[in-house]
PDB file of N, CA and C in Angstrom:
ATOM      1  N   MET A   1     101.543  90.730 109.151  1.00  0.00           N
ATOM      2  CA  MET A   1     101.566  91.439 110.216  1.00  0.00           C
ATOM      3  C   MET A   1     102.093  93.118 109.412  1.00  0.00           C
ATOM      4  N   ALA A   2     101.346  94.199 109.799  1.00  0.00           N
ATOM      5  CA  ALA A   2     102.133  95.396 109.180  1.00  0.00           C
ATOM      6  C   ALA A   2     102.182  96.240 110.144  1.00  0.00           C
ATOM      7  N   SER A   3     103.526  96.999 109.899  1.00  0.00           N
ATOM      8  CA  SER A   3     103.456  98.274 110.737  1.00  0.00           C
ATOM      9  C   SER A   3     103.028  99.540 109.685  1.00  0.00           C
ATOM     10  N   VAL A   4     102.725 100.389 110.843  1.00  0.00           N
ATOM     11  CA  VAL A   4     101.910 101.524 110.598  1.00  0.00           C
ATOM     12  C   VAL A   4     101.886 102.812 110.922  1.00  0.00           C
ATOM     13  N   THR A   5     102.309 104.493 110.435  1.00  0.00           N
ATOM     14  CA  THR A   5     102.527 105.280 110.784  1.00  0.00           C
ATOM     15  C   THR A   5     101.607 106.418 110.580  1.00  0.00           C
ATOM     16  N   PHE A   6     101.715 106.950 111.839  1.00  0.00           N
ATOM     17  CA  PHE A   6     100.561 107.992 112.006  1.00  0.00           C
ATOM     18  C   PHE A   6     100.346 109.229 111.879  1.00  0.00           C
ATOM     19  N   PRO A   7      99.909 109.829 110.910  1.00  0.00           N
ATOM     20  CA  PRO A   7     100.785 111.242 111.195  1.00  0.00           C
ATOM     21  C   PRO A   7     100.545 112.546 112.136  1.00  0.00           C
ATOM     22  N   PHE A   8     100.968 112.854 112.862  1.00  0.00           N
ATOM     23  CA  PHE A   8     100.806 114.123 113.806  1.00  0.00           C
ATOM     24  C   PHE A   8     100.400 115.769 113.089  1.00  0.00           C
ATOM     25  N   VAL A   9      99.405 116.309 114.148  1.00  0.00           N
ATOM     26  CA  VAL A   9      99.363 117.692 113.835  1.00  0.00           C
ATOM     27  C   VAL A   9     100.743 118.330 113.866  1.00  0.00           C
ATOM     28  N   SER A  10     101.407 119.112 113.081  1.00  0.00           N
ATOM     29  CA  SER A  10     102.217 120.159 113.462  1.00  0.00           C
ATOM     30  C   SER A  10     101.509 121.802 113.161  1.00  0.00           C
ATOM     31  N   GLU A  11     102.341 122.626 114.215  1.00  0.00           N
ATOM     32  CA  GLU A  11     101.881 124.107 113.817  1.00  0.00           C
ATOM     33  C   GLU A  11     101.785 124.936 112.742  1.00  0.00           C
ATOM     34  N   SER A  12     102.839 124.363 111.619  1.00  0.00           N
ATOM     35  CA  SER A  12     103.931 125.513 110.733  1.00  0.00           C
ATOM     36  C   SER A  12     102.831 124.679 109.842  1.00  0.00           C
ATOM     37  N   ASN A  13     102.536 123.355 109.428  1.00  0.00           N
ATOM     38  CA  ASN A  13     101.877 123.493 108.173  1.00  0.00           C
ATOM     39  C   ASN A  13     100.514 122.569 108.159  1.00  0.00           C
ATOM     40  N   GLY A  14     100.327 121.989 109.281  1.00  0.00           N
ATOM     41  CA  GLY A  14      99.174 121.182 109.477  1.00  0.00           C
ATOM     42  C   GLY A  14      99.634 119.792 110.090  1.00  0.00           C
ATOM     43  N   LEU A  15      99.880 119.129 109.237  1.00  0.00           N
ATOM     44  CA  LEU A  15     100.423 117.417 109.121  1.00  0.00           C
ATOM     45  C   LEU A  15     101.653 116.869 108.979  1.00  0.00           C
ATOM     46  N   TYR A  16     101.931 116.386 109.398  1.00  0.00           N
ATOM     47  CA  TYR A  16     103.322 115.746 109.654  1.00  0.00           C
ATOM     48  C   TYR A  16     103.423 114.127 109.360  1.00  0.00           C
ATOM     49  N   SER A  17     104.257 113.298 109.326  1.00  0.00           N
ATOM     50  CA  SER A  17     104.625 112.309 109.377  1.00  0.00           C
ATOM     51  C   SER A  17     105.235 112.493 110.768  1.00  0.00           C
ATOM     52  N   ALA A  18     105.544 111.409 111.828  1.00  0.00           N
ATOM     53  CA  ALA A  18     105.555 111.478 112.946  1.00  0.00           C
ATOM     54  C   ALA A  18     107.207 109.928 113.415  1.00  0.00           C
ATOM     55  N   PRO A  19     108.238 110.406 113.937  1.00  0.00           N
ATOM     56  CA  PRO A  19     109.602 109.910 113.472  1.00  0.00           C
ATOM     57  C   PRO A  19     108.884 108.440 113.442  1.00  0.00           C
ATOM     58  N   PRO A  20     109.444 107.511 112.411  1.00  0.00           N
ATOM     59  CA  PRO A  20     109.314 106.255 112.554  1.00  0.00           C
ATOM     60  C   PRO A  20     108.392 105.457 113.359  1.00  0.00           C
ATOM     61  N   ARG A  21     107.188 105.224 113.711  1.00  0.00           N
ATOM     62  CA  ARG A  21     106.827 104.265 115.185  1.00  0.00           C
ATOM     63  C   ARG A  21     106.371 103.195 114.114  1.00  0.00           C
ATOM     64  N   SER A  22     106.346 102.133 114.744  1.00  0.00           N
ATOM     65  CA  SER A  22     105.296 101.326 114.112  1.00  0.00           C
ATOM     66  C   SER A  22     104.615 100.587 115.366  1.00  0.00           C
ATOM     67  N   ILE A  23     103.490 100.022 114.750  1.00  0.00           N
ATOM     68  CA  ILE A  23     102.828  99.307 115.628  1.00  0.00           C
ATOM     69  C   ILE A  23     102.723  98.221 115.122  1.00  0.00           C
ATOM     70  N   LEU A  24     102.034  97.138 115.855  1.00  0.00           N
ATOM     71  CA  LEU A  24     101.508  95.505 115.164  1.00  0.00           C
ATOM     72  C   LEU A  24     100.275  95.927 115.702  1.00  0.00           C
ATOM     73  N   VAL A  25     100.123  95.055 114.083  1.00  0.00           N
ATOM     74  CA  VAL A  25      98.649  95.406 113.782  1.00  0.00           C
ATOM     75  C   VAL A  25      98.191  93.450 114.594  1.00  0.00           C
ATOM     76  N   MET A  26      97.215  93.097 114.976  1.00  0.00           N
ATOM     77  CA  MET A  26      97.025  91.880 115.102  1.00  0.00           C
ATOM     78  C   MET A  26      95.402  91.939 115.172  1.00  0.00           C
ATOM     79  N   ARG A  27      95.260  90.647 114.681  1.00  0.00           N
ATOM     80  CA  ARG A  27      93.283  90.254 114.796  1.00  0.00           C
ATOM     81  C   ARG A  27      93.127  90.021 115.908  1.00  0.00           C
ATOM     82  N   MET A  28      92.352  90.177 116.644  1.00  0.00           N
ATOM     83  CA  MET A  28      91.684  89.200 118.480  1.00  0.00           C
ATOM     84  C   MET A  28      91.606  88.200 117.919  1.00  0.00           C
ATOM     85  N   GLY A  29      91.999  87.515 118.772  1.00  0.00           N
ATOM     86  CA  GLY A  29      91.747  86.261 119.385  1.00  0.00           C
ATOM     87  C   GLY A  29      90.542  85.738 119.471  1.00  0.00           C
ATOM     88  N   CYS A  30      89.015  85.681 119.148  1.00  0.00           N
ATOM     89  CA  CYS A  30      87.871  86.606 119.490  1.00  0.00           C
ATOM     90  C   CYS A  30      87.274  84.378 119.413  1.00  0.00           C
ATOM     91  N   TRP A  31      87.766  84.202 118.025  1.00  0.00           N
ATOM     92  CA  TRP A  31      88.107  83.183 118.008  1.00  0.00           C
ATOM     93  C   TRP A  31      87.466  82.099 119.269  1.00  0.00           C
ATOM     94  N   LYS A  32      88.461  82.531 120.330  1.00  0.00           N
ATOM     95  CA  LYS A  32      88.687  81.191 121.427  1.00  0.00           C
ATOM     96  C   LYS A  32      87.308  81.183 122.279  1.00  0.00           C
ATOM     97  N   TRP A  33      86.436  82.214 122.019  1.00  0.00           N
ATOM     98  CA  TRP A  33      85.162  81.360 122.342  1.00  0.00           C
ATOM     99  C   TRP A  33      84.359  80.923 121.384  1.00  0.00           C
ATOM    100  N   PHE A  34      84.947  80.638 120.697  1.00  0.00           N
ATOM    101  CA  PHE A  34      84.405  78.966 119.612  1.00  0.00           C
ATOM    102  C   PHE A  34      85.028  77.737 120.038  1.00  0.00           C
ATOM    103  N   ASN A  35      85.818  77.139 121.243  1.00  0.00           N
ATOM    104  CA  ASN A  35      86.412  76.252 121.486  1.00  0.00           C
ATOM    105  C   ASN A  35      85.213  75.035 121.113  1.00  0.00           C
ATOM    106  N   SER A  36      83.877  75.192 121.712  1.00  0.00           N
ATOM    107  CA  SER A  36      83.429  74.197 121.617  1.00  0.00           C
ATOM    108  C   SER A  36      83.407  73.635 119.853  1.00  0.00           C
ATOM    109  N   VAL A  37      83.114  74.612 119.042  1.00  0.00           N
ATOM    110  CA  VAL A  37      83.282  74.001 117.303  1.00  0.00           C
ATOM    111  C   VAL A  37      84.059  74.095 117.082  1.00  0.00           C
ATOM    112  N   LEU A  38      85.908  74.542 117.303  1.00  0.00           N
ATOM    113  CA  LEU A  38      87.339  74.080 117.394  1.00  0.00           C
ATOM    114  C   LEU A  38      86.895  72.496 117.453  1.00  0.00           C
ATOM    115  N   GLU A  39      87.172  71.837 118.888  1.00  0.00           N
ATOM    116  CA  GLU A  39      87.083  70.518 119.261  1.00  0.00           C
ATOM    117  C   GLU A  39      86.291  69.988 118.245  1.00  0.00           C
ATOM    118  N   GLU A  40      85.110  70.175 117.942  1.00  0.00           N
ATOM    119  CA  GLU A  40      84.453  69.094 117.419  1.00  0.00           C
ATOM    120  C   GLU A  40      84.829  69.254 116.068  1.00  0.00           C
ATOM    121  N   ALA A  41      84.928  70.176 115.320  1.00  0.00           N
ATOM    122  CA  ALA A  41      85.938  70.003 113.935  1.00  0.00           C
ATOM    123  C   ALA A  41      87.346  69.676 114.081  1.00  0.00           C
ATOM    124  N   GLY A  42      87.830  69.334 115.250  1.00  0.00           N
ATOM    125  CA  GLY A  42      88.725  68.476 115.394  1.00  0.00           C
ATOM    126  C   GLY A  42      90.037  69.226 115.044  1.00  0.00           C
ATOM    127  N   VAL A  43      90.292  70.453 115.473  1.00  0.00           N
ATOM    128  CA  VAL A  43      90.525  71.573 115.245  1.00  0.00           C
ATOM    129  C   VAL A  43      91.870  71.765 116.708  1.00  0.00           C
ATOM    130  N   GLU A  44      92.868  72.146 116.770  1.00  0.00           N
ATOM    131  CA  GLU A  44      94.175  72.267 118.060  1.00  0.00           C
ATOM    132  C   GLU A  44      94.561  73.607 116.932  1.00  0.00           C
ATOM    133  N   VAL A  45      94.510  74.243 117.319  1.00  0.00           N
ATOM    134  CA  VAL A  45      94.975  75.583 117.628  1.00  0.00           C
ATOM    135  C   VAL A  45      96.492  75.613 117.778  1.00  0.00           C
ATOM    136  N   THR A  46      96.989  76.201 116.920  1.00  0.00           N
ATOM    137  CA  THR A  46      98.847  76.496 117.406  1.00  0.00           C
ATOM    138  C   THR A  46      99.128  77.813 116.564  1.00  0.00           C
ATOM    139  N   ASP A  47     100.348  78.235 116.668  1.00  0.00           N
ATOM    140  CA  ASP A  47     101.144  78.921 115.738  1.00  0.00           C
ATOM    141  C   ASP A  47     100.875  78.933 114.022  1.00  0.00           C
ATOM    142  N   GLU A  48     101.122  78.056 114.072  1.00  0.00           N
ATOM    143  CA  GLU A  48     100.712  77.378 112.655  1.00  0.00           C
ATOM    144  C   GLU A  48      99.777  77.735 111.692  1.00  0.00           C
ATOM    145  N   ASN A  49      98.552  77.296 112.484  1.00  0.00           N
ATOM    146  CA  ASN A  49      97.202  77.168 111.990  1.00  0.00           C
ATOM    147  C   ASN A  49      96.267  79.019 112.898  1.00  0.00           C
ATOM    148  N   ARG A  50      96.691  79.440 113.631  1.00  0.00           N
ATOM    149  CA  ARG A  50      96.085  80.598 114.413  1.00  0.00           C
ATOM    150  C   ARG A  50      95.656  81.135 113.723  1.00  0.00           C
ATOM    151  N   GLU A  51      95.906  82.559 112.521  1.00  0.00           N
ATOM    152  CA  GLU A  51      95.674  83.197 111.580  1.00  0.00           C
ATOM    153  C   GLU A  51      94.674  82.453 110.741  1.00  0.00           C
ATOM    154  N   GLU A  52      94.604  81.030 110.389  1.00  0.00           N
ATOM    155  CA  GLU A  52      93.846  80.433 108.972  1.00  0.00           C
ATOM    156  C   GLU A  52      92.344  80.438 110.319  1.00  0.00           C
ATOM    157  N   VAL A  53      92.788  80.132 111.357  1.00  0.00           N
ATOM    158  CA  VAL A  53      91.231  79.688 112.216  1.00  0.00           C
ATOM    159  C   VAL A  53      90.495  81.162 112.265  1.00  0.00           C
ATOM    160  N   ASP A  54      91.620  82.121 112.702  1.00  0.00           N
ATOM    161  CA  ASP A  54      91.385  83.482 112.773  1.00  0.00           C
ATOM    162  C   ASP A  54      90.448  83.610 111.713  1.00  0.00           C
ATOM    163  N   GLU A  55      91.063  83.542 110.560  1.00  0.00           N
ATOM    164  CA  GLU A  55      90.742  84.077 109.194  1.00  0.00           C
ATOM    165  C   GLU A  55      89.181  83.296 109.088  1.00  0.00           C
ATOM    166  N   ILE A  56      88.491  81.896 108.915  1.00  0.00           N
ATOM    167  CA  ILE A  56      87.856  81.508 108.374  1.00  0.00           C
ATOM    168  C   ILE A  56      86.480  81.826 109.346  1.00  0.00           C
ATOM    169  N   ILE A  57      86.292  81.971 110.801  1.00  0.00           N
ATOM    170  CA  ILE A  57      85.735  82.667 111.719  1.00  0.00           C
ATOM    171  C   ILE A  57      85.630  83.447 111.357  1.00  0.00           C
ATOM    172  N   HIS A  58      86.160  84.939 111.484  1.00  0.00           N
ATOM    173  CA  HIS A  58      85.889  86.174 110.798  1.00  0.00           C
ATOM    174  C   HIS A  58      84.916  86.058 109.662  1.00  0.00           C
ATOM    175  N   GLU A  59      85.650  85.442 108.417  1.00  0.00           N
ATOM    176  CA  GLU A  59      84.817  85.618 107.334  1.00  0.00           C
ATOM    177  C   GLU A  59      82.888  84.552 106.784  1.00  0.00           C
ATOM    178  N   TYR A  60      83.373  83.547 108.051  1.00  0.00           N
ATOM    179  CA  TYR A  60      81.987  83.180 108.059  1.00  0.00           C
ATOM    180  C   TYR A  60      80.885  83.995 109.095  1.00  0.00           C
ATOM    181  N   ILE A  61      81.095  84.142 110.161  1.00  0.00           N
ATOM    182  CA  ILE A  61      80.480  85.543 110.594  1.00  0.00           C
ATOM    183  C   ILE A  61      79.953  87.181 109.729  1.00  0.00           C
ATOM    184  N   GLY A  62      81.008  87.385 109.166  1.00  0.00           N
ATOM    185  CA  GLY A  62      80.913  88.792 108.400  1.00  0.00           C
ATOM    186  C   GLY A  62      80.294  88.158 107.318  1.00  0.00           C
ATOM    187  N   GLU A  63      79.783  86.476 106.408  1.00  0.00           N
ATOM    188  CA  GLU A  63      79.400  86.490 106.202  1.00  0.00           C
ATOM    189  C   GLU A  63      77.300  86.525 106.103  1.00  0.00           C
ATOM    190  N   LYS A  64      77.688  85.862 107.510  1.00  0.00           N
ATOM    191  CA  LYS A  64      76.441  85.870 108.096  1.00  0.00           C
ATOM    192  C   LYS A  64      75.960  86.819 108.126  1.00  0.00           C
ATOM    193  N   SER A  65      76.379  87.583 109.260  1.00  0.00           N
ATOM    194  CA  SER A  65      76.114  88.783 109.188  1.00  0.00           C
ATOM    195  C   SER A  65      75.516  89.738 108.294  1.00  0.00           C
ATOM    196  N   ARG A  66      76.391  89.752 107.370  1.00  0.00           N
ATOM    197  CA  ARG A  66      75.271  90.988 105.946  1.00  0.00           C
ATOM    198  C   ARG A  66      74.409  90.182 105.499  1.00  0.00           C
ATOM    199  N   TYR A  67      74.093  88.942 105.316  1.00  0.00           N
ATOM    200  CA  TYR A  67      72.654  88.267 105.883  1.00  0.00           C
ATOM    201  C   TYR A  67      71.697  88.024 106.566  1.00  0.00           C
ATOM    202  N   GLY A  68      72.295  88.938 107.611  1.00  0.00           N
ATOM    203  CA  GLY A  68      71.134  89.201 108.401  1.00  0.00           C
ATOM    204  C   GLY A  68      71.023  87.679 109.342  1.00  0.00           C
ATOM    205  N   GLN A  69      71.848  86.639 109.234  1.00  0.00           N
ATOM    206  CA  GLN A  69      71.403  85.768 109.690  1.00  0.00           C
ATOM    207  C   GLN A  69      72.349  85.327 111.171  1.00  0.00           C
ATOM    208  N   CYS A  70      73.366  86.307 111.313  1.00  0.00           N
ATOM    209  CA  CYS A  70      74.251  86.661 112.283  1.00  0.00           C
ATOM    210  C   CYS A  70      74.880  88.122 112.425  1.00  0.00           C
ATOM    211  N   SER A  71      75.065  87.858 114.285  1.00  0.00           N
ATOM    212  CA  SER A  71      75.374  89.374 114.625  1.00  0.00           C
ATOM    213  C   SER A  71      77.046  89.240 114.154  1.00  0.00           C
ATOM    214  N   ALA A  72      76.723  90.939 114.088  1.00  0.00           N
ATOM    215  CA  ALA A  72      78.176  90.851 114.477  1.00  0.00           C
ATOM    216  C   ALA A  72      79.329  91.304 115.623  1.00  0.00           C
ATOM    217  N   ASP A  73      78.345  91.516 116.410  1.00  0.00           N
ATOM    218  CA  ASP A  73      79.146  90.957 117.432  1.00  0.00           C
ATOM    219  C   ASP A  73      79.671  89.552 117.949  1.00  0.00           C
ATOM    220  N   TRP A  74      80.803  89.531 118.142  1.00  0.00           N
ATOM    221  CA  TRP A  74      81.421  88.147 118.455  1.00  0.00           C
ATOM    222  C   TRP A  74      80.050  87.857 119.452  1.00  0.00           C
ATOM    223  N   ARG A  75      80.415  87.850 120.839  1.00  0.00           N
ATOM    224  CA  ARG A  75      79.873  87.334 121.688  1.00  0.00           C
ATOM    225  C   ARG A  75      78.233  87.219 121.405  1.00  0.00           C
ATOM    226  N   GLU A  76      77.332  88.301 120.850  1.00  0.00           N
ATOM    227  CA  GLU A  76      76.068  87.444 119.880  1.00  0.00           C
ATOM    228  C   GLU A  76      76.110  86.359 119.134  1.00  0.00           C
ATOM    229  N   ALA A  77      77.580  86.723 118.157  1.00  0.00           N
ATOM    230  CA  ALA A  77      77.496  85.443 116.762  1.00  0.00           C
ATOM    231  C   ALA A  77      77.308  84.198 117.638  1.00  0.00           C
ATOM    232  N   ARG A  78      78.813  84.575 118.735  1.00  0.00           N
ATOM    233  CA  ARG A  78      79.125  83.162 119.660  1.00  0.00           C
ATOM    234  C   ARG A  78      77.731  82.174 120.174  1.00  0.00           C
ATOM    235  N   THR A  79      77.176  83.484 120.658  1.00  0.00           N
ATOM    236  CA  THR A  79      75.862  81.882 121.184  1.00  0.00           C
ATOM    237  C   THR A  79      74.557  82.069 120.584  1.00  0.00           C
ATOM    238  N   GLN A  80      74.652  82.241 119.695  1.00  0.00           N
ATOM    239  CA  GLN A  80      73.598  82.262 118.093  1.00  0.00           C
ATOM    240  C   GLN A  80      74.175  81.020 117.220  1.00  0.00           C
ATOM    241  N   ILE A  81      75.347  80.735 117.388  1.00  0.00           N
ATOM    242  CA  ILE A  81      75.772  79.358 116.644  1.00  0.00           C
ATOM    243  C   ILE A  81      75.874  78.707 117.255  1.00  0.00           C
ATOM    244  N   LYS A  82      75.629  78.987 118.536  1.00  0.00           N
ATOM    245  CA  LYS A  82      76.285  77.181 119.121  1.00  0.00           C
ATOM    246  C   LYS A  82      74.682  76.893 119.293  1.00  0.00           C
ATOM    247  N   ALA A  83      73.169  78.216 119.937  1.00  0.00           N
ATOM    248  CA  ALA A  83      72.036  77.661 119.391  1.00  0.00           C
ATOM    249  C   ALA A  83      71.412  76.828 117.985  1.00  0.00           C
ATOM    250  N   ASP A  84      72.020  77.307 117.053  1.00  0.00           N
ATOM    251  CA  ASP A  84      71.685  77.356 116.115  1.00  0.00           C
ATOM    252  C   ASP A  84      72.669  75.808 115.365  1.00  0.00           C
ATOM    253  N   LYS A  85      72.250  74.736 114.951  1.00  0.00           N
ATOM    254  CA  LYS A  85      72.508  73.549 114.515  1.00  0.00           C
ATOM    255  C   LYS A  85      73.391  73.684 113.252  1.00  0.00           C
ATOM    256  N   GLU A  86      72.470  74.447 112.049  1.00  0.00           N
ATOM    257  CA  GLU A  86      72.773  74.482 111.297  1.00  0.00           C
ATOM    258  C   GLU A  86      74.296  74.711 111.046  1.00  0.00           C
ATOM    259  N   MET A  87      74.223  76.429 111.797  1.00  0.00           N
ATOM    260  CA  MET A  87      74.827  77.104 111.793  1.00  0.00           C
ATOM    261  C   MET A  87      76.275  77.023 112.338  1.00  0.00           C
ATOM    262  N   ARG A  88      76.118  76.102 113.350  1.00  0.00           N
ATOM    263  CA  ARG A  88      77.192  75.624 114.473  1.00  0.00           C
ATOM    264  C   ARG A  88      78.146  74.414 112.946  1.00  0.00           C
ATOM    265  N   ASN A  89      77.230  73.668 112.139  1.00  0.00           N
ATOM    266  CA  ASN A  89      77.112  72.395 111.554  1.00  0.00           C
ATOM    267  C   ASN A  89      78.246  73.208 110.364  1.00  0.00           C
ATOM    268  N   GLU A  90      77.636  73.829 110.070  1.00  0.00           N
ATOM    269  CA  GLU A  90      78.454  75.175 108.443  1.00  0.00           C
ATOM    270  C   GLU A  90      79.966  75.551 109.009  1.00  0.00           C
ATOM    271  N   LEU A  91      80.357  76.196 110.150  1.00  0.00           N
ATOM    272  CA  LEU A  91      81.535  76.830 110.804  1.00  0.00           C
ATOM    273  C   LEU A  91      82.164  75.351 110.733  1.00  0.00           C
ATOM    274  N   VAL A  92      81.791  73.933 111.097  1.00  0.00           N
ATOM    275  CA  VAL A  92      82.351  72.880 111.616  1.00  0.00           C
ATOM    276  C   VAL A  92      82.911  72.468 110.726  1.00  0.00           C
ATOM    277  N   GLU A  93      81.970  72.348 109.320  1.00  0.00           N
ATOM    278  CA  GLU A  93      82.431  72.152 107.880  1.00  0.00           C
ATOM    279  C   GLU A  93      83.913  72.723 107.481  1.00  0.00           C
ATOM    280  N   ARG A  94      83.970  74.135 107.421  1.00  0.00           N
ATOM    281  CA  ARG A  94      84.928  75.068 106.874  1.00  0.00           C
ATOM    282  C   ARG A  94      86.035  74.738 107.806  1.00  0.00           C
ATOM    283  N   LEU A  95      86.026  74.417 109.502  1.00  0.00           N
ATOM    284  CA  LEU A  95      87.003  74.248 110.467  1.00  0.00           C
ATOM    285  C   LEU A  95      88.386  72.939 110.115  1.00  0.00           C
ATOM    286  N   ARG A  96      87.090  71.978 109.563  1.00  0.00           N
ATOM    287  CA  ARG A  96      87.592  70.423 109.308  1.00  0.00           C
ATOM    288  C   ARG A  96      89.104  70.654 109.105  1.00  0.00           C
ATOM    289  N   PRO A  97      88.805  71.135 107.628  1.00  0.00           N
ATOM    290  CA  PRO A  97      90.237  70.953 106.671  1.00  0.00           C
ATOM    291  C   PRO A  97      91.334  71.396 107.549  1.00  0.00           C
ATOM    292  N   LEU A  98      91.728  71.928 108.474  1.00  0.00           N
ATOM    293  CA  LEU A  98      92.389  72.610 109.192  1.00  0.00           C
ATOM    294  C   LEU A  98      93.043  71.500 110.825  1.00  0.00           C
ATOM    295  N   ALA A  99      92.384  70.468 110.567  1.00  0.00           N
ATOM    296  CA  ALA A  99      92.965  69.642 111.437  1.00  0.00           C
ATOM    297  C   ALA A  99      93.496  68.526 111.027  1.00  0.00           C
TER     298      ALA A  99
END
């Protein structure tokens, strides 16, 4: 997890760093839309494997969308993967090691 400080505009010199404020940067749990794929892979999402599950699904959708085989939009990607048996099987195989 990363913390980030954001610059703010100052009347005197343009920009300055704000007093240290941190925000928590989290990846969205969009993988929840893939529950049936996770079940098929035998993966139960826990606090310990949540980031790995997220990373595998993000990488898979990113890879497929770069080659025009899948939408980068998670809602559309879920529908496409659900309809395409080959894509579904590929994703299941990538997730199985986490089972």
